[in-house]
């Protein structure tokens, strides 16, 4: 399932937000198919968020 998000000033950030939401939703659904309750499904979704690799982002240089 893909999540449609409104476009913001930072399309790269929206890409990563959608990736994280998709990972969490997929983990939640898979956990449900495995018979876990809501709390167990939520824990699986959080674990998916924690293990999803993100790019290294450097803060903007104020100078």
N, C-alpha and C. Protein backbone atom coordinates (compact mmCIF):
# COMPACT_ATOMS: atom_id res chain seq x y z
N UNK A 1 0.84 -1.16 0.00
CA UNK A 1 0.00 0.00 0.00
C UNK A 1 0.89 1.24 0.00
N UNK A 2 0.61 2.18 -0.84
CA UNK A 2 1.37 3.41 -0.93
C UNK A 2 0.56 4.55 -0.32
N UNK A 3 1.23 5.42 0.39
CA UNK A 3 0.58 6.55 1.04
C UNK A 3 0.74 7.78 0.18
N UNK A 4 -0.35 8.48 -0.11
CA UNK A 4 -0.30 9.74 -0.84
C UNK A 4 -0.21 10.87 0.17
N UNK A 5 0.85 11.65 0.07
CA UNK A 5 1.05 12.77 0.98
C UNK A 5 1.05 14.07 0.20
N UNK A 6 0.63 15.16 0.83
CA UNK A 6 0.69 16.45 0.15
C UNK A 6 2.14 16.85 -0.08
N UNK A 7 2.38 17.53 -1.16
CA UNK A 7 3.74 17.98 -1.49
C UNK A 7 4.12 19.12 -0.56
N UNK A 8 5.36 19.15 -0.12
CA UNK A 8 5.84 20.22 0.73
C UNK A 8 7.00 20.90 0.03
N UNK A 9 7.61 21.80 0.73
CA UNK A 9 8.77 22.51 0.17
C UNK A 9 9.96 21.58 0.04
N UNK A 10 9.92 20.42 0.66
CA UNK A 10 11.03 19.49 0.62
C UNK A 10 10.56 18.13 0.12
N UNK A 11 10.54 17.93 -1.20
CA UNK A 11 10.05 16.65 -1.73
C UNK A 11 10.90 15.46 -1.30
N UNK A 12 12.17 15.65 -1.03
CA UNK A 12 13.01 14.56 -0.55
C UNK A 12 12.55 14.06 0.80
N UNK A 13 12.17 14.98 1.68
CA UNK A 13 11.67 14.59 3.00
C UNK A 13 10.35 13.86 2.86
N UNK A 14 9.51 14.28 1.94
CA UNK A 14 8.22 13.61 1.73
C UNK A 14 8.44 12.18 1.23
N UNK A 15 9.45 11.98 0.42
CA UNK A 15 9.78 10.63 -0.05
C UNK A 15 10.11 9.73 1.14
N UNK A 16 10.96 10.21 2.05
CA UNK A 16 11.36 9.41 3.19
C UNK A 16 10.22 9.21 4.17
N UNK A 17 9.37 10.22 4.32
CA UNK A 17 8.19 10.07 5.20
C UNK A 17 7.29 8.97 4.65
N UNK A 18 7.05 8.98 3.35
CA UNK A 18 6.21 7.95 2.73
C UNK A 18 6.84 6.57 2.88
N UNK A 19 8.15 6.49 2.74
CA UNK A 19 8.85 5.21 2.90
C UNK A 19 8.65 4.66 4.31
N UNK A 20 8.78 5.53 5.31
CA UNK A 20 8.60 5.09 6.70
C UNK A 20 7.16 4.67 6.97
N UNK A 21 6.22 5.43 6.46
CA UNK A 21 4.80 5.07 6.66
C UNK A 21 4.49 3.75 5.99
N UNK A 22 4.98 3.55 4.78
CA UNK A 22 4.76 2.28 4.07
C UNK A 22 5.35 1.11 4.85
N UNK A 23 6.57 1.30 5.40
CA UNK A 23 7.22 0.22 6.16
C UNK A 23 6.40 -0.11 7.41
N UNK A 24 5.93 0.91 8.11
CA UNK A 24 5.14 0.68 9.31
C UNK A 24 3.82 -0.01 8.99
N UNK A 25 3.15 0.44 7.95
CA UNK A 25 1.87 -0.16 7.58
C UNK A 25 2.04 -1.61 7.15
N UNK A 26 3.08 -1.89 6.38
CA UNK A 26 3.31 -3.27 5.93
C UNK A 26 3.60 -4.17 7.13
N UNK A 27 4.41 -3.69 8.07
CA UNK A 27 4.71 -4.50 9.26
C UNK A 27 3.46 -4.73 10.10
N UNK A 28 2.63 -3.69 10.25
CA UNK A 28 1.40 -3.81 11.02
C UNK A 28 0.47 -4.84 10.40
N UNK A 29 0.32 -4.78 9.08
CA UNK A 29 -0.56 -5.74 8.38
C UNK A 29 -0.01 -7.16 8.48
N UNK A 30 1.30 -7.33 8.29
CA UNK A 30 1.90 -8.66 8.36
C UNK A 30 1.74 -9.25 9.77
N UNK A 31 1.91 -8.41 10.77
CA UNK A 31 1.75 -8.88 12.14
C UNK A 31 0.31 -9.31 12.40
N UNK A 32 -0.64 -8.61 11.81
CA UNK A 32 -2.04 -9.00 11.95
C UNK A 32 -2.31 -10.35 11.30
N UNK A 33 -1.71 -10.56 10.14
CA UNK A 33 -1.87 -11.85 9.46
C UNK A 33 -1.24 -12.98 10.27
N UNK A 34 -0.26 -12.64 11.09
CA UNK A 34 0.39 -13.63 11.94
C UNK A 34 -0.39 -13.88 13.22
N UNK A 35 -1.48 -13.13 13.43
CA UNK A 35 -2.34 -13.36 14.58
C UNK A 35 -2.04 -12.49 15.79
N UNK A 36 -1.20 -11.49 15.64
CA UNK A 36 -0.90 -10.64 16.78
C UNK A 36 -2.05 -9.68 17.06
N UNK A 37 -2.17 -9.30 18.33
CA UNK A 37 -3.18 -8.32 18.73
C UNK A 37 -2.71 -6.91 18.32
N UNK A 38 -3.55 -5.91 18.60
CA UNK A 38 -3.21 -4.55 18.22
C UNK A 38 -1.87 -4.11 18.81
N UNK A 39 -1.64 -4.38 20.08
CA UNK A 39 -0.40 -3.97 20.72
C UNK A 39 0.81 -4.64 20.08
N UNK A 40 0.69 -5.91 19.78
CA UNK A 40 1.78 -6.61 19.11
C UNK A 40 2.03 -6.09 17.71
N UNK A 41 0.94 -5.78 17.02
CA UNK A 41 1.06 -5.21 15.67
C UNK A 41 1.76 -3.85 15.73
N UNK A 42 1.38 -3.04 16.73
CA UNK A 42 1.99 -1.72 16.89
C UNK A 42 3.50 -1.85 17.18
N UNK A 43 3.88 -2.81 18.02
CA UNK A 43 5.29 -3.04 18.31
C UNK A 43 6.05 -3.44 17.04
N UNK A 44 5.44 -4.24 16.19
CA UNK A 44 6.08 -4.62 14.93
C UNK A 44 6.23 -3.41 14.01
N UNK A 45 5.24 -2.53 14.00
CA UNK A 45 5.31 -1.33 13.18
C UNK A 45 6.44 -0.42 13.67
N UNK A 46 6.56 -0.26 14.98
CA UNK A 46 7.65 0.55 15.52
C UNK A 46 9.01 -0.06 15.20
N UNK A 47 9.11 -1.37 15.28
CA UNK A 47 10.37 -2.04 14.96
C UNK A 47 10.74 -1.80 13.49
N UNK A 48 9.74 -1.81 12.62
CA UNK A 48 10.00 -1.54 11.20
C UNK A 48 10.52 -0.12 11.01
N UNK A 49 9.97 0.83 11.74
CA UNK A 49 10.45 2.21 11.65
C UNK A 49 11.90 2.30 12.13
N UNK A 50 12.21 1.60 13.19
CA UNK A 50 13.56 1.66 13.74
C UNK A 50 14.60 1.03 12.82
N UNK A 51 14.22 0.02 12.06
CA UNK A 51 15.21 -0.66 11.23
C UNK A 51 15.25 -0.15 9.78
N UNK A 52 14.36 0.76 9.42
CA UNK A 52 14.38 1.31 8.06
C UNK A 52 15.57 2.25 7.92
N UNK A 53 16.45 1.97 6.97
CA UNK A 53 17.63 2.82 6.81
C UNK A 53 17.26 4.19 6.25
N UNK A 54 17.88 5.22 6.80
CA UNK A 54 17.66 6.58 6.34
C UNK A 54 18.99 7.15 5.84
N UNK A 55 18.92 8.13 4.94
CA UNK A 55 20.16 8.73 4.46
C UNK A 55 20.79 9.60 5.55
N UNK A 56 22.07 9.77 5.45
CA UNK A 56 22.75 10.68 6.36
C UNK A 56 22.47 12.10 5.89
N UNK A 57 21.95 12.91 6.80
CA UNK A 57 21.60 14.29 6.46
C UNK A 57 22.45 15.23 7.29
N UNK A 58 23.11 16.15 6.63
CA UNK A 58 23.91 17.14 7.32
C UNK A 58 23.09 18.42 7.46
N UNK A 59 23.12 19.06 8.63
CA UNK A 59 22.39 20.32 8.80
C UNK A 59 22.96 21.39 7.87
N UNK A 60 22.11 22.32 7.51
CA UNK A 60 22.56 23.42 6.66
C UNK A 60 23.63 24.23 7.38
N UNK A 61 24.64 24.66 6.62
CA UNK A 61 25.72 25.46 7.17
C UNK A 61 25.24 26.91 7.27
N UNK A 62 25.18 27.48 8.50
CA UNK A 62 24.65 28.84 8.64
C UNK A 62 25.57 29.93 8.09
N UNK A 63 26.82 29.60 7.73
CA UNK A 63 27.73 30.64 7.26
C UNK A 63 27.56 31.00 5.82
